Amino acid sequence: MGDHDFDEFYASNYGRFVVQLYAVTGSLPDAEDAVQEAFARASVRWDRVRAYEMPEAWVRRVALNVAFTGLRRARRVLEVLTRAEPPPAAPLPGASVELVEALGRLPLHFRQVLVLYYLADLPVERVAGELGIAVGTAKSRLARARDALGVAAFGTAERDALRALQDRLGPPEERGSWSGASPFGTCPGPVRAVRWGRLYVLFTSGPTRYDPAGRWHLFAWQVDAVQRTKLDPQYSGAPPPAPPPLRGYSPRTAAGIGFGSTVAELRAAYGSRVRITFGEPGMIYRFTAGQGAAGELSGSLTGGTPGATVTFLAAGAVCGE
């Protein structure tokens, strides 16, 4: 009975665990080895593991540890124990290569929380438990991983955020600054915008939800279709009707989403957290990808079908909120 239970547990969980480990390691063979090693360990202590409230959490935690300690065995052992070939892994959701490449640019501790939160669809408390870290630490890592490229949390001091961004993206292409009405909205304090390709990173010394005291800090970013910074810094009112188009590189979010990503890729990256609406202002398609108040993504789309693409992307506080 015990062997039968284990065989079923193995067959029903192997594929999705490989998908999750692949997203962390960036290597399918390494992901398969790590997952097989974890199941091999579970099989020899199955009477104890199956009594846990969540046996799959134990196996996933072991696989994550194995993936980064260089242990490479278990394929043959597991085949003998289960008398079956490993079942095929499910394909990685969405654009697998882009997702893995995007995650691969992040430090390991960011990759772990993102994979558990988004691909494994675990609440933040479970993410913390599986990684053996405090809930506050898990929330902090998720917040930092959501800032665009996993570089600095919203609320980070401007100098520190710029240093981290330049380490990742190189020198910025353009800078601008405004007070009052700006291309990014009307903020309660002055705004500085720094651009890399299509990515604008916004700083303010006015109070926001991230820093009520009002020191210079990172409070928002957006990936845009048009150039916002080469405008008269003294202007007041709405931006000109036709700002110059941008054709530069689009940095991607930690989950691989950027300018031109499709609705299918959005849903693959953020699952049921994606909401698409159509209407005013402008009678266009818009989306949000709920990640909590500090990290919600939003933007506009060319349509609502799976092949429709992102034409604007933003995260952080809204100017003036």
C-alpha atoms as a PDB file:
ATOM      1  CA  MET A   1       0.000   0.000   0.000  1.00  0.00           C
ATOM      2  CA  GLY A   2       2.843   2.340   0.876  1.00  0.00           C
ATOM      3  CA  ASP A   3       4.659   1.757  -2.434  1.00  0.00           C
ATOM      4  CA  HIS A   4       1.417   2.336  -4.336  1.00  0.00           C
ATOM      5  CA  ASP A   5       0.817   5.602  -2.462  1.00  0.00           C
ATOM      6  CA  PHE A   6       4.317   6.778  -3.281  1.00  0.00           C
ATOM      7  CA  ASP A   7       4.002   5.851  -6.969  1.00  0.00           C
ATOM      8  CA  GLU A   8       0.832   7.940  -7.238  1.00  0.00           C
ATOM      9  CA  PHE A   9       2.388  10.853  -5.342  1.00  0.00           C
ATOM     10  CA  TYR A  10       5.437  10.720  -7.594  1.00  0.00           C
ATOM     11  CA  ALA A  11       3.466  10.530 -10.847  1.00  0.00           C
ATOM     12  CA  SER A  12       1.132  13.388  -9.924  1.00  0.00           C
ATOM     13  CA  ASN A  13       3.836  15.811  -8.726  1.00  0.00           C
ATOM     14  CA  TYR A  14       6.996  15.042 -10.708  1.00  0.00           C
ATOM     15  CA  GLY A  15       6.180  17.113 -13.790  1.00  0.00           C
ATOM     16  CA  ARG A  16       5.223  20.356 -12.079  1.00  0.00           C
ATOM     17  CA  PHE A  17       8.187  20.130  -9.690  1.00  0.00           C
ATOM     18  CA  VAL A  18      10.534  19.855 -12.684  1.00  0.00           C
ATOM     19  CA  VAL A  19       8.878  22.928 -14.196  1.00  0.00           C
ATOM     20  CA  GLN A  20       9.385  24.889 -10.967  1.00  0.00           C
ATOM     21  CA  LEU A  21      13.016  23.787 -10.555  1.00  0.00           C
ATOM     22  CA  TYR A  22      13.731  24.487 -14.215  1.00  0.00           C
ATOM     23  CA  ALA A  23      12.589  28.062 -13.691  1.00  0.00           C
ATOM     24  CA  VAL A  24      14.978  28.351 -10.741  1.00  0.00           C
ATOM     25  CA  THR A  25      18.039  26.593 -12.222  1.00  0.00           C
ATOM     26  CA  GLY A  26      17.682  27.452 -15.917  1.00  0.00           C
ATOM     27  CA  SER A  27      18.794  23.891 -16.745  1.00  0.00           C
ATOM     28  CA  LEU A  28      16.323  21.100 -17.481  1.00  0.00           C
ATOM     29  CA  PRO A  29      18.818  18.264 -16.714  1.00  0.00           C
ATOM     30  CA  ASP A  30      19.722  19.897 -13.393  1.00  0.00           C
ATOM     31  CA  ALA A  31      16.036  20.387 -12.573  1.00  0.00           C
ATOM     32  CA  GLU A  32      15.272  16.730 -13.353  1.00  0.00           C
ATOM     33  CA  ASP A  33      18.243  15.528 -11.300  1.00  0.00           C
ATOM     34  CA  ALA A  34      17.261  17.653  -8.309  1.00  0.00           C
ATOM     35  CA  VAL A  35      13.627  16.539  -8.382  1.00  0.00           C
ATOM     36  CA  GLN A  36      14.576  12.870  -8.794  1.00  0.00           C
ATOM     37  CA  GLU A  37      17.006  13.145  -5.897  1.00  0.00           C
ATOM     38  CA  ALA A  38      14.280  14.660  -3.713  1.00  0.00           C
ATOM     39  CA  PHE A  39      11.811  11.904  -4.596  1.00  0.00           C
ATOM     40  CA  ALA A  40      14.476   9.261  -3.979  1.00  0.00           C
ATOM     41  CA  ARG A  41      14.974  10.643  -0.476  1.00  0.00           C
ATOM     42  CA  ALA A  42      11.238  10.726   0.074  1.00  0.00           C
ATOM     43  CA  SER A  43      10.849   7.130  -1.055  1.00  0.00           C
ATOM     44  CA  VAL A  44      13.180   5.689   1.576  1.00  0.00           C
ATOM     45  CA  ARG A  45      11.380   7.535   4.383  1.00  0.00           C
ATOM     46  CA  TRP A  46       7.915   7.522   2.838  1.00  0.00           C
ATOM     47  CA  ASP A  47       6.113   6.321   5.980  1.00  0.00           C
ATOM     48  CA  ARG A  48       7.254   9.492   7.728  1.00  0.00           C
ATOM     49  CA  VAL A  49       6.987  11.914   4.791  1.00  0.00           C
ATOM     50  CA  ARG A  50       3.438  10.915   3.826  1.00  0.00           C
ATOM     51  CA  ALA A  51       2.312  11.671   7.387  1.00  0.00           C
ATOM     52  CA  TYR A  52       3.290  15.333   6.980  1.00  0.00           C
ATOM     53  CA  GLU A  53       0.495  17.829   6.417  1.00  0.00           C
ATOM     54  CA  MET A  54       2.051  18.734   3.023  1.00  0.00           C
ATOM     55  CA  PRO A  55       4.425  16.026   1.749  1.00  0.00           C
ATOM     56  CA  GLU A  56       4.876  17.947  -1.509  1.00  0.00           C
ATOM     57  CA  ALA A  57       6.344  20.886   0.428  1.00  0.00           C
ATOM     58  CA  TRP A  58       8.988  18.595   1.920  1.00  0.00           C
ATOM     59  CA  VAL A  59       9.944  17.222  -1.510  1.00  0.00           C
ATOM     60  CA  ARG A  60      10.074  20.682  -3.105  1.00  0.00           C
ATOM     61  CA  ARG A  61      12.253  22.048  -0.297  1.00  0.00           C
ATOM     62  CA  VAL A  62      14.686  19.129  -0.653  1.00  0.00           C
ATOM     63  CA  ALA A  63      14.775  19.611  -4.438  1.00  0.00           C
ATOM     64  CA  LEU A  64      15.604  23.305  -4.048  1.00  0.00           C
ATOM     65  CA  ASN A  65      18.416  22.445  -1.655  1.00  0.00           C
ATOM     66  CA  VAL A  66      19.734  19.696  -3.920  1.00  0.00           C
ATOM     67  CA  ALA A  67      19.709  21.968  -6.970  1.00  0.00           C
ATOM     68  CA  PHE A  68      22.301  24.223  -5.383  1.00  0.00           C
ATOM     69  CA  THR A  69      24.518  21.771  -3.490  1.00  0.00           C
ATOM     70  CA  GLY A  70      25.829  19.890  -6.514  1.00  0.00           C
ATOM     71  CA  LEU A  71      24.157  16.541  -5.742  1.00  0.00           C
ATOM     72  CA  ARG A  72      23.519  14.676  -8.982  1.00  0.00           C
ATOM     73  CA  ARG A  73      22.105  11.172  -8.652  1.00  0.00           C
ATOM     74  CA  ALA A  74      18.806   9.258  -8.221  1.00  0.00           C
ATOM     75  CA  ARG A  75      17.575   8.714 -11.785  1.00  0.00           C
ATOM     76  CA  ARG A  76      18.468   5.008 -11.739  1.00  0.00           C
ATOM     77  CA  VAL A  77      17.666   4.648  -8.028  1.00  0.00           C
ATOM     78  CA  LEU A  78      14.217   6.122  -8.474  1.00  0.00           C
ATOM     79  CA  GLU A  79      13.451   3.953 -11.496  1.00  0.00           C
ATOM     80  CA  VAL A  80      14.218   0.857  -9.417  1.00  0.00           C
ATOM     81  CA  LEU A  81      12.212   2.072  -6.431  1.00  0.00           C
ATOM     82  CA  THR A  82       9.109   2.962  -8.447  1.00  0.00           C
ATOM     83  CA  ARG A  83       9.539   0.388 -11.211  1.00  0.00           C
ATOM     84  CA  ALA A  84       8.655   3.110 -13.718  1.00  0.00           C
ATOM     85  CA  GLU A  85      10.326   5.614 -15.971  1.00  0.00           C
ATOM     86  CA  PRO A  86      10.062   9.228 -14.780  1.00  0.00           C
ATOM     87  CA  PRO A  87       6.837  10.712 -16.167  1.00  0.00           C
ATOM     88  CA  PRO A  88       7.345  13.550 -18.639  1.00  0.00           C
ATOM     89  CA  ALA A  89       7.638  17.033 -17.187  1.00  0.00           C
ATOM     90  CA  ALA A  90       4.880  19.457 -18.082  1.00  0.00           C
ATOM     91  CA  PRO A  91       6.039  22.194 -20.456  1.00  0.00           C
ATOM     92  CA  LEU A  92       7.027  25.400 -18.726  1.00  0.00           C
ATOM     93  CA  PRO A  93       4.046  27.787 -18.938  1.00  0.00           C
ATOM     94  CA  GLY A  94       4.147  30.419 -21.643  1.00  0.00           C
ATOM     95  CA  ALA A  95       7.377  31.582 -23.220  1.00  0.00           C
ATOM     96  CA  SER A  96       9.682  29.242 -21.303  1.00  0.00           C
ATOM     97  CA  VAL A  97      12.968  30.462 -22.739  1.00  0.00           C
ATOM     98  CA  GLU A  98      12.173  34.125 -22.028  1.00  0.00           C
ATOM     99  CA  LEU A  99      10.917  33.339 -18.526  1.00  0.00           C
ATOM    100  CA  VAL A 100      13.978  31.283 -17.605  1.00  0.00           C
ATOM    101  CA  GLU A 101      16.313  33.893 -19.105  1.00  0.00           C
ATOM    102  CA  ALA A 102      14.569  36.644 -17.141  1.00  0.00           C
ATOM    103  CA  LEU A 103      14.742  34.689 -13.903  1.00  0.00           C
ATOM    104  CA  GLY A 104      18.359  33.792 -14.629  1.00  0.00           C
ATOM    105  CA  ARG A 105      19.301  37.470 -14.423  1.00  0.00           C
ATOM    106  CA  LEU A 106      18.138  37.559 -10.798  1.00  0.00           C
ATOM    107  CA  PRO A 107      19.977  36.423  -7.680  1.00  0.00           C
ATOM    108  CA  LEU A 108      19.008  32.957  -6.425  1.00  0.00           C
ATOM    109  CA  HIS A 109      17.021  34.185  -3.411  1.00  0.00           C
ATOM    110  CA  PHE A 110      14.803  36.273  -5.730  1.00  0.00           C
ATOM    111  CA  ARG A 111      14.304  33.358  -8.129  1.00  0.00           C
ATOM    112  CA  GLN A 112      13.234  31.087  -5.277  1.00  0.00           C
ATOM    113  CA  VAL A 113      10.511  33.376  -3.926  1.00  0.00           C
ATOM    114  CA  LEU A 114       9.195  34.213  -7.403  1.00  0.00           C
ATOM    115  CA  VAL A 115       8.944  30.579  -8.474  1.00  0.00           C
ATOM    116  CA  LEU A 116       7.219  29.501  -5.266  1.00  0.00           C
ATOM    117  CA  TYR A 117       4.853  32.480  -5.278  1.00  0.00           C
ATOM    118  CA  TYR A 118       3.925  32.522  -8.978  1.00  0.00           C
ATOM    119  CA  LEU A 119       4.605  29.083 -10.483  1.00  0.00           C
ATOM    120  CA  ALA A 120       3.809  27.053  -7.359  1.00  0.00           C
ATOM    121  CA  ASP A 121       1.032  29.539  -6.463  1.00  0.00           C
ATOM    122  CA  LEU A 122       1.883  29.485  -2.746  1.00  0.00           C
ATOM    123  CA  PRO A 123       0.828  32.235  -0.317  1.00  0.00           C
ATOM    124  CA  VAL A 124       3.697  34.277   1.058  1.00  0.00           C
ATOM    125  CA  GLU A 125       3.502  32.497   4.426  1.00  0.00           C
ATOM    126  CA  ARG A 126       4.080  29.141   2.703  1.00  0.00           C
ATOM    127  CA  VAL A 127       6.889  30.623   0.615  1.00  0.00           C
ATOM    128  CA  ALA A 128       8.611  31.694   3.827  1.00  0.00           C
ATOM    129  CA  GLY A 129       8.066  28.294   5.428  1.00  0.00           C
ATOM    130  CA  GLU A 130       9.438  26.340   2.483  1.00  0.00           C
ATOM    131  CA  LEU A 131      12.557  28.499   2.298  1.00  0.00           C
ATOM    132  CA  GLY A 132      13.045  28.614   6.062  1.00  0.00           C
ATOM    133  CA  ILE A 133      12.944  32.410   6.214  1.00  0.00           C
ATOM    134  CA  ALA A 134      10.796  34.934   8.079  1.00  0.00           C
ATOM    135  CA  VAL A 135       7.535  36.046   6.448  1.00  0.00           C
ATOM    136  CA  GLY A 136       8.824  39.639   6.461  1.00  0.00           C
ATOM    137  CA  THR A 137      11.945  38.522   4.603  1.00  0.00           C
ATOM    138  CA  ALA A 138       9.852  36.721   1.988  1.00  0.00           C
ATOM    139  CA  LYS A 139       7.685  39.829   1.519  1.00  0.00           C
ATOM    140  CA  SER A 140      10.772  42.015   1.187  1.00  0.00           C
ATOM    141  CA  ARG A 141      12.303  39.727  -1.448  1.00  0.00           C
ATOM    142  CA  LEU A 142       9.052  39.639  -3.398  1.00  0.00           C
ATOM    143  CA  ALA A 143       8.839  43.438  -3.261  1.00  0.00           C
ATOM    144  CA  ARG A 144      12.414  43.826  -4.507  1.00  0.00           C
ATOM    145  CA  ALA A 145      11.883  41.243  -7.236  1.00  0.00           C
ATOM    146  CA  ARG A 146       8.824  43.191  -8.411  1.00  0.00           C
ATOM    147  CA  ASP A 147      10.530  46.539  -8.884  1.00  0.00           C
ATOM    148  CA  ALA A 148      11.180  45.776 -12.611  1.00  0.00           C
ATOM    149  CA  LEU A 149      14.352  43.731 -12.617  1.00  0.00           C
ATOM    150  CA  GLY A 150      14.716  42.616  -8.994  1.00  0.00           C
ATOM    151  CA  VAL A 151      17.135  45.448  -8.292  1.00  0.00           C
ATOM    152  CA  ALA A 152      15.769  47.650  -5.507  1.00  0.00           C
ATOM    153  CA  ALA A 153      12.542  47.856  -3.552  1.00  0.00           C
ATOM    154  CA  PHE A 154      10.169  50.744  -3.985  1.00  0.00           C
ATOM    155  CA  GLY A 155      11.140  53.252  -1.285  1.00  0.00           C
ATOM    156  CA  THR A 156      14.888  52.654  -1.747  1.00  0.00           C
ATOM    157  CA  ALA A 157      16.959  55.842  -1.481  1.00  0.00           C
ATOM    158  CA  GLU A 158      17.599  57.359  -4.915  1.00  0.00           C
ATOM    159  CA  ARG A 159      21.385  57.037  -4.733  1.00  0.00           C
ATOM    160  CA  ASP A 160      21.248  53.348  -3.777  1.00  0.00           C
ATOM    161  CA  ALA A 161      18.598  52.511  -6.378  1.00  0.00           C
ATOM    162  CA  LEU A 162      20.498  54.294  -9.164  1.00  0.00           C
ATOM    163  CA  ARG A 163      23.705  52.472  -8.264  1.00  0.00           C
ATOM    164  CA  ALA A 164      21.923  49.113  -8.414  1.00  0.00           C
ATOM    165  CA  LEU A 165      20.157  49.970 -11.670  1.00  0.00           C
ATOM    166  CA  GLN A 166      23.364  51.128 -13.353  1.00  0.00           C
ATOM    167  CA  ASP A 167      25.140  47.961 -12.231  1.00  0.00           C
ATOM    168  CA  ARG A 168      22.408  45.996 -14.017  1.00  0.00           C
ATOM    169  CA  LEU A 169      21.597  48.214 -17.040  1.00  0.00           C
ATOM    170  CA  GLY A 170      24.661  50.407 -17.547  1.00  0.00           C
ATOM    171  CA  PRO A 171      24.626  54.220 -17.837  1.00  0.00           C
ATOM    172  CA  PRO A 172      21.179  55.768 -18.378  1.00  0.00           C
ATOM    173  CA  GLU A 173      20.339  57.310 -21.724  1.00  0.00           C
ATOM    174  CA  GLU A 174      18.452  60.336 -20.446  1.00  0.00           C
ATOM    175  CA  ARG A 175      17.427  62.227 -17.322  1.00  0.00           C
ATOM    176  CA  GLY A 176      14.704  64.767 -16.643  1.00  0.00           C
ATOM    177  CA  SER A 177      13.145  66.549 -13.675  1.00  0.00           C
ATOM    178  CA  TRP A 178       9.859  68.352 -12.972  1.00  0.00           C
ATOM    179  CA  SER A 179       7.809  69.946 -10.260  1.00  0.00           C
ATOM    180  CA  GLY A 180       4.031  69.957 -10.190  1.00  0.00           C
ATOM    181  CA  ALA A 181       2.368  68.708 -13.360  1.00  0.00           C
ATOM    182  CA  SER A 182       4.622  66.341 -15.281  1.00  0.00           C
ATOM    183  CA  PRO A 183       4.387  63.749 -18.054  1.00  0.00           C
ATOM    184  CA  PHE A 184       3.984  61.215 -15.248  1.00  0.00           C
ATOM    185  CA  GLY A 185       1.138  62.947 -13.425  1.00  0.00           C
ATOM    186  CA  THR A 186       0.927  65.663 -10.788  1.00  0.00           C
ATOM    187  CA  CYS A 187       3.047  64.689  -7.804  1.00  0.00           C
ATOM    188  CA  PRO A 188       3.113  66.332  -4.374  1.00  0.00           C
ATOM    189  CA  GLY A 189       6.862  66.859  -4.707  1.00  0.00           C
ATOM    190  CA  PRO A 190       9.483  67.200  -7.467  1.00  0.00           C
ATOM    191  CA  VAL A 191      10.040  64.225  -9.759  1.00  0.00           C
ATOM    192  CA  ARG A 192      13.211  62.948 -11.380  1.00  0.00           C
ATOM    193  CA  ALA A 193      12.979  60.513 -14.286  1.00  0.00           C
ATOM    194  CA  VAL A 194      15.888  58.374 -15.497  1.00  0.00           C
ATOM    195  CA  ARG A 195      15.540  56.435 -18.751  1.00  0.00           C
ATOM    196  CA  TRP A 196      17.110  53.229 -20.059  1.00  0.00           C
ATOM    197  CA  GLY A 197      15.594  52.352 -23.463  1.00  0.00           C
ATOM    198  CA  ARG A 198      11.833  52.231 -22.953  1.00  0.00           C
ATOM    199  CA  LEU A 199      12.179  52.022 -19.165  1.00  0.00           C
ATOM    200  CA  TYR A 200      11.593  55.137 -17.066  1.00  0.00           C
ATOM    201  CA  VAL A 201      12.473  54.919 -13.365  1.00  0.00           C
ATOM    202  CA  LEU A 202      10.885  57.643 -11.251  1.00  0.00           C
ATOM    203  CA  PHE A 203      12.114  59.247  -8.034  1.00  0.00           C
ATOM    204  CA  THR A 204      10.518  61.899  -5.840  1.00  0.00           C
ATOM    205  CA  SER A 205      11.194  63.756  -2.618  1.00  0.00           C
ATOM    206  CA  GLY A 206       7.470  64.123  -2.014  1.00  0.00           C
ATOM    207  CA  PRO A 207       5.627  61.758   0.322  1.00  0.00           C
ATOM    208  CA  THR A 208       4.417  58.434  -1.111  1.00  0.00           C
ATOM    209  CA  ARG A 209       3.158  55.192   0.418  1.00  0.00           C
ATOM    210  CA  TYR A 210       6.762  53.949   0.299  1.00  0.00           C
ATOM    211  CA  ASP A 211       8.298  56.897   2.142  1.00  0.00           C
ATOM    212  CA  PRO A 212       5.855  59.228   3.921  1.00  0.00           C
ATOM    213  CA  ALA A 213       8.795  61.304   5.205  1.00  0.00           C
ATOM    214  CA  GLY A 214       9.559  62.522   1.692  1.00  0.00           C
ATOM    215  CA  ARG A 215      13.271  61.819   1.121  1.00  0.00           C
ATOM    216  CA  TRP A 216      14.400  61.188  -2.468  1.00  0.00           C
ATOM    217  CA  HIS A 217      13.363  57.604  -3.208  1.00  0.00           C
ATOM    218  CA  LEU A 218      12.279  55.189  -5.932  1.00  0.00           C
ATOM    219  CA  PHE A 219       8.484  55.257  -6.151  1.00  0.00           C
ATOM    220  CA  ALA A 220       7.491  54.017  -9.624  1.00  0.00           C
ATOM    221  CA  TRP A 221       8.645  52.876 -13.034  1.00  0.00           C
ATOM    222  CA  GLN A 222       7.043  52.522 -16.428  1.00  0.00           C
ATOM    223  CA  VAL A 223       7.856  50.982 -19.795  1.00  0.00           C
ATOM    224  CA  ASP A 224       6.481  53.261 -22.469  1.00  0.00           C
ATOM    225  CA  ALA A 225       5.809  53.568 -26.191  1.00  0.00           C
ATOM    226  CA  VAL A 226       6.695  57.266 -26.345  1.00  0.00           C
ATOM    227  CA  GLN A 227       9.474  59.507 -25.105  1.00  0.00           C
ATOM    228  CA  ARG A 228       8.384  61.464 -22.049  1.00  0.00           C
ATOM    229  CA  THR A 229      11.502  63.238 -20.854  1.00  0.00           C
ATOM    230  CA  LYS A 230      12.445  65.522 -23.768  1.00  0.00           C
ATOM    231  CA  LEU A 231       9.735  68.034 -22.987  1.00  0.00           C
ATOM    232  CA  ASP A 232       9.788  71.527 -21.584  1.00  0.00           C
ATOM    233  CA  PRO A 233      10.411  70.999 -17.843  1.00  0.00           C
ATOM    234  CA  GLN A 234       8.477  74.209 -17.089  1.00  0.00           C
ATOM    235  CA  TYR A 235       5.317  73.231 -18.938  1.00  0.00           C
ATOM    236  CA  SER A 236       2.013  72.902 -17.134  1.00  0.00           C
ATOM    237  CA  GLY A 237      -0.833  70.639 -18.150  1.00  0.00           C
ATOM    238  CA  ALA A 238      -1.195  67.517 -20.227  1.00  0.00           C
ATOM    239  CA  PRO A 239       1.708  66.220 -22.346  1.00  0.00           C
ATOM    240  CA  PRO A 240       1.762  67.123 -26.031  1.00  0.00           C
ATOM    241  CA  PRO A 241      -0.633  65.008 -28.099  1.00  0.00           C
ATOM    242  CA  ALA A 242       2.134  63.206 -29.995  1.00  0.00           C
ATOM    243  CA  PRO A 243       5.364  62.706 -27.989  1.00  0.00           C
ATOM    244  CA  PRO A 244       8.234  61.171 -29.951  1.00  0.00           C
ATOM    245  CA  PRO A 245       8.025  57.361 -30.235  1.00  0.00           C
ATOM    246  CA  LEU A 246      10.549  55.174 -28.433  1.00  0.00           C
ATOM    247  CA  ARG A 247      12.123  52.270 -30.268  1.00  0.00           C
ATOM    248  CA  GLY A 248      14.703  51.190 -27.693  1.00  0.00           C
ATOM    249  CA  TYR A 249      15.217  48.085 -25.605  1.00  0.00           C
ATOM    250  CA  SER A 250      12.453  47.108 -23.175  1.00  0.00           C
ATOM    251  CA  PRO A 251      13.740  45.801 -19.835  1.00  0.00           C
ATOM    252  CA  ARG A 252      11.548  43.026 -18.457  1.00  0.00           C
ATOM    253  CA  THR A 253       9.950  42.401 -15.113  1.00  0.00           C
ATOM    254  CA  ALA A 254      11.359  39.668 -12.905  1.00  0.00           C
ATOM    255  CA  ALA A 255       8.767  37.315 -14.440  1.00  0.00           C
ATOM    256  CA  GLY A 256       9.828  38.179 -18.004  1.00  0.00           C
ATOM    257  CA  ILE A 257       7.124  40.680 -19.027  1.00  0.00           C
ATOM    258  CA  GLY A 258       7.921  43.815 -21.015  1.00  0.00           C
ATOM    259  CA  PHE A 259       6.808  46.021 -23.887  1.00  0.00           C
ATOM    260  CA  GLY A 260       5.435  43.758 -26.614  1.00  0.00           C
ATOM    261  CA  SER A 261       4.745  40.752 -24.362  1.00  0.00           C
ATOM    262  CA  THR A 262       1.501  38.963 -25.192  1.00  0.00           C
ATOM    263  CA  VAL A 263      -1.602  38.390 -23.097  1.00  0.00           C
ATOM    264  CA  ALA A 264      -0.746  34.681 -23.146  1.00  0.00           C
ATOM    265  CA  GLU A 265       2.660  35.464 -21.639  1.00  0.00           C
ATOM    266  CA  LEU A 266       1.048  37.712 -19.031  1.00  0.00           C
ATOM    267  CA  ARG A 267      -1.257  34.902 -17.943  1.00  0.00           C
ATOM    268  CA  ALA A 268       1.593  32.391 -17.948  1.00  0.00           C
ATOM    269  CA  ALA A 269       3.664  34.665 -15.730  1.00  0.00           C
ATOM    270  CA  TYR A 270       0.965  35.848 -13.294  1.00  0.00           C
ATOM    271  CA  GLY A 271      -1.870  33.336 -13.679  1.00  0.00           C
ATOM    272  CA  SER A 272      -5.213  34.180 -12.124  1.00  0.00           C
ATOM    273  CA  ARG A 273      -3.842  37.499 -10.815  1.00  0.00           C
ATOM    274  CA  VAL A 274      -4.250  39.051 -14.286  1.00  0.00           C
ATOM    275  CA  ARG A 275      -7.407  41.103 -14.842  1.00  0.00           C
ATOM    276  CA  ILE A 276      -8.236  42.595 -18.270  1.00  0.00           C
ATOM    277  CA  THR A 277     -10.814  45.352 -18.776  1.00  0.00           C
ATOM    278  CA  PHE A 278     -12.007  47.520 -21.662  1.00  0.00           C
ATOM    279  CA  GLY A 279     -13.358  51.040 -21.426  1.00  0.00           C
ATOM    280  CA  GLU A 280     -12.690  54.664 -20.534  1.00  0.00           C
ATOM    281  CA  PRO A 281     -10.525  56.644 -20.541  1.00  0.00           C
ATOM    282  CA  GLY A 282      -9.759  56.196 -24.197  1.00  0.00           C
ATOM    283  CA  MET A 283     -11.809  53.030 -24.775  1.00  0.00           C
ATOM    284  CA  ILE A 284      -8.762  50.774 -24.695  1.00  0.00           C
ATOM    285  CA  TYR A 285      -7.850  47.432 -23.173  1.00  0.00           C
ATOM    286  CA  ARG A 286      -6.076  47.591 -19.824  1.00  0.00           C
ATOM    287  CA  PHE A 287      -4.728  45.002 -17.434  1.00  0.00           C
ATOM    288  CA  THR A 288      -3.633  44.688 -13.847  1.00  0.00           C
ATOM    289  CA  ALA A 289      -1.610  41.856 -12.355  1.00  0.00           C
ATOM    290  CA  GLY A 290      -2.270  41.925  -8.636  1.00  0.00           C
ATOM    291  CA  GLN A 291       0.835  41.378  -6.554  1.00  0.00           C
ATOM    292  CA  GLY A 292      -0.186  43.290  -3.453  1.00  0.00           C
ATOM    293  CA  ALA A 293      -0.363  47.045  -2.984  1.00  0.00           C
ATOM    294  CA  ALA A 294       3.387  47.566  -3.190  1.00  0.00           C
ATOM    295  CA  GLY A 295       3.913  45.744  -6.441  1.00  0.00           C
ATOM    296  CA  GLU A 296       0.822  45.716  -8.628  1.00  0.00           C
ATOM    297  CA  LEU A 297       1.540  45.840 -12.331  1.00  0.00           C
ATOM    298  CA  SER A 298      -0.753  47.655 -14.713  1.00  0.00           C
ATOM    299  CA  GLY A 299      -0.708  48.674 -18.331  1.00  0.00           C
ATOM    300  CA  SER A 300      -2.459  48.840 -21.680  1.00  0.00           C
ATOM    301  CA  LEU A 301      -2.931  46.264 -24.433  1.00  0.00           C
ATOM    302  CA  THR A 302      -3.673  46.155 -28.143  1.00  0.00           C
ATOM    303  CA  GLY A 303      -6.639  43.873 -27.393  1.00  0.00           C
ATOM    304  CA  GLY A 304      -7.961  41.148 -25.129  1.00  0.00           C
ATOM    305  CA  THR A 305      -7.008  38.037 -27.121  1.00  0.00           C
ATOM    306  CA  PRO A 306      -4.046  35.768 -26.199  1.00  0.00           C
ATOM    307  CA  GLY A 307      -1.934  37.284 -28.989  1.00  0.00           C
ATOM    308  CA  ALA A 308      -2.589  40.925 -28.036  1.00  0.00           C
ATOM    309  CA  THR A 309       0.507  42.772 -26.838  1.00  0.00           C
ATOM    310  CA  VAL A 310       1.531  45.124 -24.036  1.00  0.00           C
ATOM    311  CA  THR A 311       1.834  48.754 -25.157  1.00  0.00           C
ATOM    312  CA  PHE A 312       2.473  50.262 -21.718  1.00  0.00           C
ATOM    313  CA  LEU A 313       3.567  48.798 -18.387  1.00  0.00           C
ATOM    314  CA  ALA A 314       3.904  50.398 -14.958  1.00  0.00           C
ATOM    315  CA  ALA A 315       4.302  49.577 -11.282  1.00  0.00           C
ATOM    316  CA  GLY A 316       4.620  51.474  -8.011  1.00  0.00           C
ATOM    317  CA  ALA A 317       2.801  54.445  -6.545  1.00  0.00           C
ATOM    318  CA  VAL A 318       0.697  56.762  -8.680  1.00  0.00           C
ATOM    319  CA  CYS A 319       1.752  60.398  -8.651  1.00  0.00           C
ATOM    320  CA  GLY A 320      -0.402  62.289  -6.183  1.00  0.00           C
ATOM    321  CA  GLU A 321      -1.960  59.275  -4.447  1.00  0.00           C
END
